[in-house]
Amino acid sequence: MTDDAILAPEILMEDIAKNFGNVHALQNVSFHLSPGEIRALVGENGAGKSTLMNILYGMYSQDSGVITIGEEKIQDRWCPNAAIAKGIGMIHQHFSLIYSHTVLENIVMPTLKWSDFKPDWKKYEEKIEGLLSEYHFDVRLKDRVENLSIGERQQVEILKALYQGAKVLILDEPTGVLTPQQAEALLGFLVDLRSKGFSVVLVTHKLNEAMQISDKITVLRGGKHISTVQTDSTTIPEIARMMVDRQMSAPVQRCQDVKCSKNVLELKNVSVENENKKIVVDNISFTIGQGEIVGIAGVAGNGQVEMAEALVGLRDLKEGSILLDGADIKGWSVEKRRSEGIGYIPEDRHENGMIGEMSIAENLILDCMKREPFSKKGVIQHKNIKDNAEKAIVDFNVKTENGSTPIKNLSGGNQQKVILARTLMETPKVIVACQPTRGLDFSATEYLRKKLVESAEKNVGVLLISSDLDELFELSDRIIVLYRGKIMGNVRRDEVDLQKLGLMMTGCGEDKISENK
């Protein structure tokens, strides 16, 4: 630790309990964070990790228990502003940025007072440029957040917390939205923060990351504190057993030899524009065969989302054509594409995959509520909707009391299972799966991957868009790499390694890689 380090406060949470209705989210959990420590907080979805940290950050209030920051016992009126004043900052999975504003505005505006009618932006810019230099961030203050990649937006969130004086950083699943290279850079940055006297809580389900940088690992399961152990005295299998209370099964593995009898989806010279009329998918062509899983790799923001939206009808093509079972689907509505066999698992389930206030049963029929058996001559068939939900809950192992539960009350893994159930109940010909396991725990990830493989074995074509390269290598028959909307490589999984894939992701095509051998 350097001499000019700014020491973070000691944090003690004792016997914290929190209930949401009949759900015991936390049951007398204690948590002690020392100054200058990186603590990994691990557990499956629904274990209580985010709830515990949201209480520390003032987003929720505990039902019982005591929080002590430094030497001060927190009484009432604990809220995010109070937490920030005590030096605690939190970066959530879903960023709280104003996309139409610049990086500078997003960082500074939370600190402005009502009397600051004409902020001295130049003064703020000079101060934040100092932070950019000190912590080696790679963002431009005058860029609008809407034009940034996901990794850059995360940097803005961290900068915002540091600018507000955070000495304790809580990061909730921070690498779930990053490529391996970005994730490695972030972890290195957190280690550097520790050397400067900061404390870090890394909420994660990626145990290799927890083992790589943490000093201690705290395991929660079912809202209870299972154990806190020194990282250098434990192993990944030991932590995994504490998390799930069972032996972990082997990763889902796709067989090597998949023979496709025909193409179920074909893209021909497809180009797509973004909202600013900029070409972000640039003249790409590829096919997906029946029973084939084709993975899409690439740094976030290289046209993956726009391509997926064009496939399912949420975005118009600029040029080219898309064929489903040989039929040109240009001009087809989203509803027609879904009814004709295109299933969709969106990248952001909260924004595009579900309606939180609606029940599980209602979310399951969002795509087909106007069709039989859920509607007859314009009349909703409530019994059929209820029966469908009960079957889906059993078939897809959704943990809930019943189908009338609002989907927002489910854990992330169970929400994703509902979206998967809705997709598969339509018996699709092809599934467009965008980041299907992002932010999910071991069990939910294993389950989702298994279902995608089972779908392929039933002759469904799968387009798997994922920033998790391990996932792409485990499941894909072929991997296509996108860079700035262009295809850098279209290779069989057994013909490429991580090094080659990484080069392609930075813009090197297969021909250039071969030349450099």
Protein backbone atom coordinates (compact mmCIF):
# COMPACT_ATOMS: atom_id res chain seq x y z
CA MET A 1 0.00 0.00 0.00
CA THR A 2 1.36 3.42 -0.92
CA ASP A 3 2.08 6.16 1.61
CA ASP A 4 -0.59 8.43 0.10
CA ALA A 5 -3.27 5.72 0.21
CA ILE A 6 -6.76 6.76 1.28
CA LEU A 7 -7.88 4.10 3.72
CA ALA A 8 -11.44 2.82 3.35
CA PRO A 9 -13.66 2.61 6.45
CA GLU A 10 -14.19 -0.66 8.29
CA ILE A 11 -17.69 -2.07 7.68
CA LEU A 12 -19.57 -4.39 10.01
CA MET A 13 -23.02 -5.79 9.25
CA GLU A 14 -24.44 -7.87 12.12
CA ASP A 15 -27.44 -10.24 12.04
CA ILE A 16 -29.02 -8.64 8.97
CA ALA A 17 -32.48 -10.00 8.12
CA LYS A 18 -34.72 -9.05 5.21
CA ASN A 19 -38.04 -10.49 4.04
CA PHE A 20 -39.95 -9.84 0.83
CA GLY A 21 -43.43 -11.08 1.65
CA ASN A 22 -43.07 -14.77 2.47
CA VAL A 23 -39.56 -14.94 1.00
CA HIS A 24 -36.75 -14.86 3.59
CA ALA A 25 -34.10 -13.14 1.47
CA LEU A 26 -31.61 -12.78 4.34
CA GLN A 27 -31.61 -14.65 7.64
CA ASN A 28 -29.36 -13.09 10.30
CA VAL A 29 -26.38 -12.61 7.98
CA SER A 30 -23.19 -10.99 9.31
CA PHE A 31 -20.52 -9.47 7.07
CA HIS A 32 -17.22 -7.80 8.04
CA LEU A 33 -15.13 -5.87 5.48
CA SER A 34 -11.68 -4.66 6.47
CA PRO A 35 -9.98 -1.57 4.99
CA GLY A 36 -7.90 -2.32 1.89
CA GLU A 37 -9.55 -5.70 1.26
CA ILE A 38 -11.09 -7.32 -1.82
CA ARG A 39 -13.96 -9.54 -0.73
CA ALA A 40 -15.72 -11.89 -3.14
CA LEU A 41 -19.39 -12.43 -2.29
CA VAL A 42 -20.62 -15.57 -4.02
CA GLY A 43 -23.75 -17.67 -4.18
CA GLU A 44 -26.43 -18.77 -6.58
CA ASN A 45 -29.15 -16.45 -7.84
CA GLY A 46 -31.55 -15.81 -4.98
CA ALA A 47 -28.88 -16.52 -2.34
CA GLY A 48 -29.16 -12.94 -1.04
CA LYS A 49 -25.90 -11.44 -2.37
CA SER A 50 -27.41 -8.40 -4.10
CA THR A 51 -29.94 -7.90 -1.31
CA LEU A 52 -27.19 -7.73 1.31
CA MET A 53 -25.19 -5.21 -0.71
CA ASN A 54 -28.28 -3.16 -1.55
CA ILE A 55 -28.89 -2.86 2.19
CA LEU A 56 -25.31 -1.71 2.73
CA TYR A 57 -25.74 0.85 -0.07
CA GLY A 58 -29.07 2.08 1.31
CA MET A 59 -31.29 0.82 -1.52
CA TYR A 60 -33.18 -1.41 0.94
CA SER A 61 -33.65 -1.18 4.69
CA GLN A 62 -33.09 -4.27 6.77
CA ASP A 63 -35.90 -5.70 8.91
CA SER A 64 -33.44 -6.26 11.73
CA GLY A 65 -29.72 -6.13 12.38
CA VAL A 66 -27.09 -3.41 12.75
CA ILE A 67 -24.68 -1.71 10.32
CA THR A 68 -21.54 0.01 11.58
CA ILE A 69 -19.41 2.19 9.25
CA GLY A 70 -16.06 3.06 10.78
CA GLU A 71 -16.96 3.80 14.39
CA GLU A 72 -20.49 5.05 13.67
CA LYS A 73 -23.52 2.82 14.13
CA ILE A 74 -26.08 3.53 11.39
CA GLN A 75 -29.51 4.28 12.79
CA ASP A 76 -32.25 5.54 10.47
CA ARG A 77 -32.45 7.55 7.22
CA TRP A 78 -29.88 5.30 5.59
CA CYS A 79 -30.10 5.77 1.82
CA PRO A 80 -27.72 5.83 -1.20
CA ASN A 81 -26.89 9.50 -0.63
CA ALA A 82 -25.97 8.75 2.97
CA ALA A 83 -23.91 5.73 1.86
CA ILE A 84 -22.04 7.85 -0.70
CA ALA A 85 -21.35 10.45 1.99
CA LYS A 86 -19.76 7.63 4.01
CA GLY A 87 -17.58 6.64 1.07
CA ILE A 88 -19.59 3.68 -0.23
CA GLY A 89 -20.32 3.41 -3.96
CA MET A 90 -22.14 0.66 -5.85
CA ILE A 91 -22.07 -0.30 -9.51
CA HIS A 92 -25.14 -2.37 -10.33
CA GLN A 93 -25.56 -4.93 -13.11
CA HIS A 94 -27.98 -2.57 -14.84
CA PHE A 95 -26.35 0.84 -15.14
CA SER A 96 -28.05 4.01 -13.87
CA LEU A 97 -26.83 6.37 -16.58
CA ILE A 98 -28.67 8.97 -18.66
CA TYR A 99 -27.88 7.79 -22.16
CA SER A 100 -28.68 11.09 -23.92
CA HIS A 101 -26.16 12.97 -21.75
CA THR A 102 -22.39 13.08 -22.07
CA VAL A 103 -19.90 11.18 -19.93
CA LEU A 104 -18.98 14.41 -18.14
CA GLU A 105 -22.62 15.25 -17.38
CA ASN A 106 -23.34 11.77 -16.03
CA ILE A 107 -20.37 11.96 -13.67
CA VAL A 108 -20.95 15.48 -12.39
CA MET A 109 -24.74 15.93 -12.32
CA PRO A 110 -25.40 13.71 -9.24
CA THR A 111 -23.17 16.09 -7.22
CA LEU A 112 -24.72 19.38 -8.38
CA LYS A 113 -26.95 21.45 -6.12
CA TRP A 114 -30.14 23.24 -7.09
CA SER A 115 -28.24 26.51 -6.96
CA ASP A 116 -25.81 25.38 -9.67
CA PHE A 117 -27.75 26.88 -12.58
CA LYS A 118 -24.62 27.39 -14.69
CA PRO A 119 -22.05 24.75 -13.78
CA ASP A 120 -18.43 25.51 -14.56
CA TRP A 121 -18.02 22.49 -16.84
CA LYS A 122 -14.42 23.37 -17.65
CA LYS A 123 -13.47 23.13 -13.97
CA TYR A 124 -15.20 19.76 -13.63
CA GLU A 125 -13.62 18.52 -16.85
CA GLU A 126 -10.10 19.29 -15.60
CA LYS A 127 -10.74 17.49 -12.33
CA ILE A 128 -12.15 14.37 -14.00
CA GLU A 129 -9.36 14.33 -16.58
CA GLY A 130 -7.10 13.84 -13.56
CA LEU A 131 -9.09 10.76 -12.57
CA LEU A 132 -8.96 9.45 -16.13
CA SER A 133 -5.18 9.77 -16.09
CA GLU A 134 -4.69 8.37 -12.58
CA TYR A 135 -6.81 5.28 -13.14
CA HIS A 136 -6.07 4.80 -16.87
CA PHE A 137 -9.66 4.98 -18.08
CA ASP A 138 -10.28 5.06 -21.81
CA VAL A 139 -13.41 7.22 -22.27
CA ARG A 140 -13.91 10.69 -23.73
CA LEU A 141 -15.81 13.10 -21.50
CA LYS A 142 -17.72 14.76 -24.34
CA ASP A 143 -19.06 11.52 -25.84
CA ARG A 144 -22.73 10.72 -25.29
CA VAL A 145 -23.27 7.60 -23.19
CA GLU A 146 -25.67 6.17 -25.80
CA ASN A 147 -22.72 5.91 -28.21
CA LEU A 148 -20.47 4.00 -25.78
CA SER A 149 -19.90 0.27 -25.58
CA ILE A 150 -21.08 -1.61 -22.50
CA GLY A 151 -17.52 -1.78 -21.18
CA GLU A 152 -17.12 1.97 -21.55
CA ARG A 153 -20.44 2.59 -19.79
CA GLN A 154 -19.19 0.53 -16.88
CA GLN A 155 -16.10 2.72 -16.71
CA VAL A 156 -18.39 5.76 -16.47
CA GLU A 157 -20.24 4.19 -13.53
CA ILE A 158 -16.95 3.53 -11.73
CA LEU A 159 -15.71 7.03 -12.49
CA LYS A 160 -18.95 8.46 -11.13
CA ALA A 161 -18.46 6.60 -7.85
CA LEU A 162 -14.81 7.64 -7.54
CA TYR A 163 -15.64 11.27 -8.32
CA GLN A 164 -18.21 11.23 -5.49
CA GLY A 165 -15.52 10.10 -3.07
CA ALA A 166 -16.16 6.36 -2.84
CA LYS A 167 -13.52 4.48 -0.87
CA VAL A 168 -15.53 1.25 -0.84
CA LEU A 169 -16.67 -0.05 -4.23
CA ILE A 170 -19.40 -2.68 -4.51
CA LEU A 171 -19.56 -4.26 -7.97
CA ASP A 172 -22.53 -6.51 -8.75
CA GLU A 173 -21.58 -9.11 -11.41
CA PRO A 174 -19.29 -6.57 -13.12
CA THR A 175 -17.74 -8.87 -15.72
CA GLY A 176 -21.02 -10.35 -16.94
CA VAL A 177 -21.19 -7.66 -19.65
CA LEU A 178 -17.50 -7.69 -20.61
CA THR A 179 -15.30 -9.63 -22.99
CA PRO A 180 -12.44 -11.65 -21.46
CA GLN A 181 -9.96 -8.90 -22.28
CA GLN A 182 -12.12 -6.21 -20.67
CA ALA A 183 -12.79 -8.42 -17.66
CA GLU A 184 -9.08 -9.00 -17.14
CA ALA A 185 -8.45 -5.26 -17.31
CA LEU A 186 -11.20 -4.58 -14.77
CA LEU A 187 -9.86 -7.16 -12.32
CA GLY A 188 -6.40 -5.65 -12.62
CA PHE A 189 -7.91 -2.23 -11.94
CA LEU A 190 -9.56 -3.52 -8.75
CA VAL A 191 -6.25 -4.93 -7.53
CA ASP A 192 -4.69 -1.52 -8.17
CA LEU A 193 -7.48 0.14 -6.15
CA ARG A 194 -6.72 -2.17 -3.22
CA SER A 195 -3.08 -1.06 -3.31
CA LYS A 196 -4.30 2.51 -2.92
CA GLY A 197 -6.28 1.68 0.24
CA PHE A 198 -9.74 1.13 -1.28
CA SER A 199 -11.96 -1.78 -0.29
CA VAL A 200 -13.85 -3.77 -2.91
CA VAL A 201 -16.79 -6.15 -2.72
CA LEU A 202 -17.00 -8.30 -5.85
CA VAL A 203 -20.46 -9.86 -6.11
CA THR A 204 -20.00 -12.69 -8.58
CA HIS A 205 -20.78 -16.26 -9.52
CA LYS A 206 -17.52 -16.62 -11.49
CA LEU A 207 -15.33 -18.45 -9.02
CA ASN A 208 -12.18 -18.20 -11.11
CA GLU A 209 -12.41 -14.40 -10.77
CA ALA A 210 -13.05 -14.65 -7.05
CA MET A 211 -9.99 -16.87 -6.64
CA GLN A 212 -7.87 -14.60 -8.85
CA ILE A 213 -8.09 -11.31 -6.95
CA SER A 214 -9.92 -11.65 -3.63
CA ASP A 215 -8.46 -11.84 -0.13
CA LYS A 216 -11.50 -13.59 1.33
CA ILE A 217 -14.61 -15.27 -0.07
CA THR A 218 -18.01 -15.11 1.62
CA VAL A 219 -20.57 -17.73 0.57
CA LEU A 220 -24.33 -17.20 0.89
CA ARG A 221 -26.93 -19.89 0.23
CA GLY A 222 -30.67 -19.55 0.62
CA GLY A 223 -30.32 -16.22 2.44
CA LYS A 224 -27.91 -17.65 5.01
CA HIS A 225 -24.22 -17.05 5.62
CA ILE A 226 -22.54 -20.40 4.98
CA SER A 227 -18.88 -19.48 5.42
CA THR A 228 -16.18 -16.87 4.98
CA VAL A 229 -12.79 -18.31 4.05
CA GLN A 230 -9.31 -17.09 3.14
CA THR A 231 -8.99 -17.33 -0.63
CA ASP A 232 -5.52 -18.85 -0.52
CA SER A 233 -6.74 -21.68 1.71
CA THR A 234 -9.67 -22.92 -0.39
CA THR A 235 -10.41 -24.26 -3.87
CA ILE A 236 -13.06 -23.71 -6.51
CA PRO A 237 -14.70 -27.14 -5.93
CA GLU A 238 -14.93 -26.42 -2.18
CA ILE A 239 -16.59 -23.03 -2.79
CA ALA A 240 -18.93 -24.53 -5.39
CA ARG A 241 -20.06 -27.23 -2.95
CA MET A 242 -20.82 -24.58 -0.32
CA MET A 243 -22.81 -22.55 -2.86
CA VAL A 244 -25.08 -25.35 -4.08
CA ASP A 245 -24.80 -27.98 -1.34
CA ARG A 246 -24.12 -30.66 -3.96
CA GLN A 247 -21.41 -31.85 -6.32
CA MET A 248 -21.31 -29.81 -9.53
CA SER A 249 -21.99 -31.74 -12.71
CA ALA A 250 -19.64 -31.59 -15.71
CA PRO A 251 -20.12 -28.67 -18.13
CA VAL A 252 -22.62 -29.13 -20.94
CA GLN A 253 -20.56 -30.18 -23.97
CA ARG A 254 -21.69 -30.17 -27.59
CA CYS A 255 -20.74 -33.20 -29.67
CA GLN A 256 -18.26 -32.50 -32.47
CA ASP A 257 -19.81 -34.07 -35.59
CA VAL A 258 -23.08 -32.36 -36.46
CA LYS A 259 -24.36 -33.00 -39.96
CA CYS A 260 -27.01 -30.55 -41.22
CA SER A 261 -29.48 -31.82 -43.80
CA LYS A 262 -30.59 -28.31 -44.82
CA ASN A 263 -30.27 -24.65 -43.90
CA VAL A 264 -33.02 -23.30 -41.67
CA LEU A 265 -31.80 -19.68 -41.71
CA GLU A 266 -29.75 -17.81 -44.28
CA LEU A 267 -28.45 -14.23 -44.28
CA LYS A 268 -27.49 -12.85 -47.69
CA ASN A 269 -25.47 -9.61 -47.90
CA VAL A 270 -27.25 -8.18 -44.85
CA SER A 271 -26.58 -4.61 -43.76
CA VAL A 272 -28.28 -2.90 -40.82
CA GLU A 273 -28.21 0.69 -39.53
CA ASN A 274 -28.36 1.89 -35.94
CA GLU A 275 -30.53 4.75 -34.66
CA ASN A 276 -28.02 7.30 -36.00
CA LYS A 277 -28.23 5.87 -39.56
CA LYS A 278 -24.73 4.42 -39.24
CA ILE A 279 -24.07 1.00 -40.79
CA VAL A 280 -23.36 -1.35 -37.88
CA VAL A 281 -23.91 -4.67 -39.68
CA ASP A 282 -21.95 -4.49 -42.93
CA ASN A 283 -22.79 -6.87 -45.79
CA ILE A 284 -22.64 -10.15 -43.88
CA SER A 285 -23.68 -13.58 -45.14
CA PHE A 286 -23.89 -16.90 -43.33
CA THR A 287 -26.21 -19.87 -42.80
CA ILE A 288 -27.50 -21.92 -39.88
CA GLY A 289 -28.38 -25.53 -40.54
CA GLN A 290 -31.03 -27.65 -38.89
CA GLY A 291 -29.69 -28.83 -35.55
CA GLU A 292 -26.64 -26.57 -35.76
CA ILE A 293 -25.48 -24.13 -33.08
CA VAL A 294 -23.67 -21.16 -34.59
CA GLY A 295 -21.92 -18.91 -32.07
CA ILE A 296 -21.33 -15.19 -32.57
CA ALA A 297 -18.23 -13.79 -30.86
CA GLY A 298 -17.13 -10.18 -30.69
CA VAL A 299 -16.57 -7.24 -28.40
CA ALA A 300 -19.88 -5.68 -27.31
CA GLY A 301 -21.05 -3.00 -29.70
CA ASN A 302 -19.89 -4.58 -32.95
CA GLY A 303 -23.33 -5.16 -34.47
CA GLN A 304 -24.45 -8.27 -32.59
CA VAL A 305 -27.56 -6.70 -31.06
CA GLU A 306 -28.63 -4.95 -34.27
CA MET A 307 -28.21 -8.18 -36.24
CA ALA A 308 -30.38 -10.07 -33.76
CA GLU A 309 -33.04 -7.36 -33.83
CA ALA A 310 -33.09 -7.46 -37.62
CA LEU A 311 -33.58 -11.22 -37.56
CA VAL A 312 -36.61 -11.07 -35.26
CA GLY A 313 -38.15 -8.01 -36.95
CA LEU A 314 -37.38 -5.32 -34.40
CA ARG A 315 -35.13 -3.47 -36.85
CA ASP A 316 -35.36 -2.99 -40.64
CA LEU A 317 -32.71 -4.19 -43.06
CA LYS A 318 -30.77 -1.56 -44.96
CA GLU A 319 -29.79 -4.09 -47.61
CA GLY A 320 -29.82 -7.84 -48.19
CA SER A 321 -32.27 -10.59 -47.37
CA ILE A 322 -33.04 -13.11 -44.65
CA LEU A 323 -34.45 -16.53 -45.56
CA LEU A 324 -36.32 -18.74 -43.09
CA ASP A 325 -36.69 -22.25 -44.50
CA GLY A 326 -36.11 -20.73 -47.93
CA ALA A 327 -38.79 -18.01 -47.57
CA ASP A 328 -37.73 -14.34 -47.70
CA ILE A 329 -39.03 -12.81 -44.46
CA LYS A 330 -38.42 -9.18 -45.37
CA GLY A 331 -41.56 -7.25 -44.51
CA TRP A 332 -42.82 -9.85 -42.05
CA SER A 333 -43.98 -8.49 -38.68
CA VAL A 334 -42.44 -9.60 -35.40
CA GLU A 335 -45.57 -11.63 -34.67
CA LYS A 336 -45.47 -13.42 -38.02
CA ARG A 337 -41.79 -14.26 -37.64
CA ARG A 338 -42.43 -15.70 -34.20
CA SER A 339 -45.44 -17.71 -35.36
CA GLU A 340 -43.47 -19.02 -38.37
CA GLY A 341 -40.62 -20.31 -36.25
CA ILE A 342 -38.14 -17.66 -35.03
CA GLY A 343 -37.67 -17.86 -31.27
CA TYR A 344 -35.97 -15.04 -29.40
CA ILE A 345 -34.12 -14.73 -26.11
CA PRO A 346 -33.28 -11.00 -25.83
CA GLU A 347 -30.03 -9.62 -24.44
CA ASP A 348 -31.76 -7.63 -21.68
CA ARG A 349 -34.59 -9.67 -20.20
CA HIS A 350 -35.78 -6.77 -18.06
CA GLU A 351 -36.09 -4.30 -20.93
CA ASN A 352 -37.12 -6.54 -23.82
CA GLY A 353 -37.98 -9.97 -22.46
CA MET A 354 -40.68 -9.52 -19.86
CA ILE A 355 -43.17 -7.19 -18.20
CA GLY A 356 -42.24 -7.21 -14.52
CA GLU A 357 -45.64 -6.31 -13.10
CA MET A 358 -47.42 -9.07 -15.03
CA SER A 359 -47.68 -12.63 -13.78
CA ILE A 360 -45.61 -15.59 -14.93
CA ALA A 361 -48.69 -16.96 -16.73
CA GLU A 362 -49.20 -13.69 -18.61
CA ASN A 363 -45.53 -13.37 -19.55
CA LEU A 364 -45.59 -16.90 -20.96
CA ILE A 365 -48.17 -15.94 -23.60
CA LEU A 366 -46.99 -12.46 -24.58
CA ASP A 367 -46.08 -13.78 -28.05
CA CYS A 368 -49.26 -15.71 -28.69
CA MET A 369 -52.06 -14.34 -26.54
CA LYS A 370 -54.19 -13.60 -29.63
CA ARG A 371 -53.98 -17.19 -30.87
CA GLU A 372 -55.61 -20.42 -29.74
CA PRO A 373 -55.72 -21.98 -27.23
CA PHE A 374 -55.22 -18.77 -25.24
CA SER A 375 -57.78 -16.74 -27.14
CA LYS A 376 -60.88 -17.83 -29.05
CA LYS A 377 -62.79 -15.32 -31.15
CA GLY A 378 -61.24 -12.48 -29.20
CA VAL A 379 -62.08 -13.95 -25.78
CA ILE A 380 -59.21 -14.70 -23.39
CA GLN A 381 -59.19 -18.32 -22.20
CA HIS A 382 -58.03 -17.95 -18.61
CA LYS A 383 -58.06 -21.66 -17.76
CA ASN A 384 -55.83 -22.52 -20.72
CA ILE A 385 -53.43 -19.75 -19.72
CA LYS A 386 -53.30 -21.05 -16.16
CA ASP A 387 -52.82 -24.67 -17.29
CA ASN A 388 -50.04 -23.60 -19.64
CA ALA A 389 -48.24 -21.81 -16.80
CA GLU A 390 -48.52 -24.79 -14.46
CA LYS A 391 -47.03 -27.07 -17.12
CA ALA A 392 -44.19 -24.63 -17.92
CA ILE A 393 -43.34 -24.22 -14.22
CA VAL A 394 -42.95 -28.00 -13.88
CA ASP A 395 -41.26 -28.63 -17.25
CA PHE A 396 -38.72 -25.83 -16.81
CA ASN A 397 -38.23 -26.15 -13.05
CA VAL A 398 -39.27 -22.54 -12.29
CA LYS A 399 -39.02 -21.89 -8.55
CA THR A 400 -42.24 -20.10 -7.63
CA GLU A 401 -45.42 -20.61 -5.66
CA ASN A 402 -47.67 -20.50 -8.74
CA GLY A 403 -48.21 -18.92 -12.14
CA SER A 404 -49.93 -15.85 -10.74
CA THR A 405 -46.69 -14.61 -9.12
CA PRO A 406 -45.41 -11.38 -10.72
CA ILE A 407 -42.34 -12.28 -12.77
CA LYS A 408 -40.38 -9.40 -11.17
CA ASN A 409 -40.42 -11.37 -7.90
CA LEU A 410 -38.39 -14.24 -9.40
CA SER A 411 -34.60 -14.52 -9.36
CA GLY A 412 -32.77 -13.77 -12.60
CA GLY A 413 -32.32 -17.46 -13.39
CA ASN A 414 -36.01 -18.20 -12.96
CA GLN A 415 -36.99 -15.18 -15.04
CA GLN A 416 -34.75 -16.50 -17.81
CA LYS A 417 -36.37 -19.93 -17.52
CA VAL A 418 -39.79 -18.34 -18.11
CA ILE A 419 -38.46 -16.58 -21.24
CA LEU A 420 -36.92 -19.85 -22.43
CA ALA A 421 -40.20 -21.70 -21.80
CA ARG A 422 -42.10 -19.10 -23.83
CA THR A 423 -39.59 -19.44 -26.67
CA LEU A 424 -39.62 -23.24 -26.80
CA MET A 425 -43.39 -23.73 -26.40
CA GLU A 426 -43.79 -22.20 -29.88
CA THR A 427 -41.72 -25.10 -31.35
CA PRO A 428 -39.31 -22.78 -33.19
CA LYS A 429 -37.27 -23.65 -36.27
CA VAL A 430 -34.46 -21.38 -35.12
CA ILE A 431 -33.65 -19.69 -31.80
CA VAL A 432 -31.85 -16.34 -31.65
CA ALA A 433 -30.29 -16.44 -28.17
CA CYS A 434 -28.59 -13.21 -27.07
CA GLN A 435 -26.41 -13.54 -23.96
CA PRO A 436 -28.78 -16.24 -22.61
CA THR A 437 -26.78 -16.99 -19.44
CA ARG A 438 -25.47 -13.50 -18.63
CA GLY A 439 -25.60 -12.88 -14.88
CA LEU A 440 -26.92 -16.36 -14.09
CA ASP A 441 -25.54 -18.75 -11.48
CA PHE A 442 -24.17 -22.29 -11.91
CA SER A 443 -27.49 -24.10 -11.85
CA ALA A 444 -29.37 -21.68 -14.10
CA THR A 445 -26.46 -21.49 -16.57
CA GLU A 446 -26.18 -25.27 -16.70
CA TYR A 447 -29.93 -25.58 -17.23
CA LEU A 448 -30.13 -22.97 -20.01
CA ARG A 449 -27.18 -24.46 -21.90
CA LYS A 450 -28.63 -27.94 -21.62
CA LYS A 451 -31.95 -26.75 -23.07
CA LEU A 452 -30.23 -25.07 -26.04
CA VAL A 453 -28.29 -28.26 -26.80
CA GLU A 454 -31.48 -30.33 -26.48
CA SER A 455 -33.20 -27.96 -28.90
CA ALA A 456 -30.40 -28.42 -31.44
CA GLU A 457 -30.68 -32.19 -31.04
CA LYS A 458 -34.33 -31.81 -32.07
CA ASN A 459 -33.23 -30.14 -35.34
CA VAL A 460 -33.72 -26.56 -34.15
CA GLY A 461 -31.08 -24.15 -35.44
CA VAL A 462 -29.53 -21.95 -32.75
CA LEU A 463 -27.79 -18.59 -33.18
CA LEU A 464 -25.87 -18.11 -29.91
CA ILE A 465 -24.65 -14.55 -29.34
CA SER A 466 -22.42 -14.56 -26.26
CA SER A 467 -19.54 -12.62 -24.74
CA ASP A 468 -18.63 -15.76 -22.75
CA LEU A 469 -16.01 -17.48 -24.90
CA ASP A 470 -16.11 -20.61 -22.74
CA GLU A 471 -19.82 -20.85 -23.52
CA LEU A 472 -19.19 -20.49 -27.25
CA PHE A 473 -16.51 -23.19 -27.21
CA GLU A 474 -18.69 -25.56 -25.18
CA LEU A 475 -21.84 -25.24 -27.26
CA SER A 476 -21.09 -24.03 -30.78
CA ASP A 477 -20.48 -26.11 -33.89
CA ARG A 478 -19.16 -23.04 -35.70
CA ILE A 479 -18.07 -19.63 -34.40
CA ILE A 480 -18.48 -16.41 -36.40
CA VAL A 481 -16.50 -13.37 -35.23
CA LEU A 482 -17.87 -9.88 -35.80
CA TYR A 483 -15.75 -6.73 -35.78
CA ARG A 484 -17.32 -3.37 -36.63
CA GLY A 485 -20.20 -5.16 -38.29
CA LYS A 486 -18.03 -7.30 -40.57
CA ILE A 487 -17.28 -11.02 -40.39
CA MET A 488 -13.62 -11.58 -39.44
CA GLY A 489 -13.89 -15.35 -39.31
CA ASN A 490 -16.36 -18.22 -39.76
CA VAL A 491 -14.65 -21.29 -38.33
CA ARG A 492 -15.44 -24.65 -36.85
CA ARG A 493 -14.99 -24.77 -33.12
CA ASP A 494 -12.23 -27.39 -33.31
CA GLU A 495 -10.27 -25.30 -35.83
CA VAL A 496 -9.74 -22.22 -33.64
CA ASP A 497 -8.24 -21.43 -30.24
CA LEU A 498 -8.63 -18.50 -27.85
CA GLN A 499 -5.58 -16.70 -29.24
CA LYS A 500 -6.88 -16.80 -32.82
CA LEU A 501 -10.35 -15.82 -31.68
CA GLY A 502 -8.94 -12.88 -29.74
CA LEU A 503 -7.05 -11.65 -32.81
CA MET A 504 -10.21 -11.84 -34.90
CA MET A 505 -12.12 -9.90 -32.26
CA THR A 506 -9.63 -7.06 -32.66
CA GLY A 507 -10.12 -6.91 -36.43
CA CYS A 508 -7.68 -9.48 -37.84
CA GLY A 509 -9.29 -11.71 -40.43
CA GLU A 510 -8.40 -15.37 -40.95
CA ASP A 511 -6.14 -14.43 -43.88
CA LYS A 512 -4.06 -12.01 -41.79
CA ILE A 513 -3.70 -14.54 -38.97
CA SER A 514 -2.44 -17.12 -41.46
CA GLU A 515 0.08 -14.63 -42.89
CA ASN A 516 1.53 -13.96 -39.43
CA LYS A 517 2.16 -17.62 -38.63
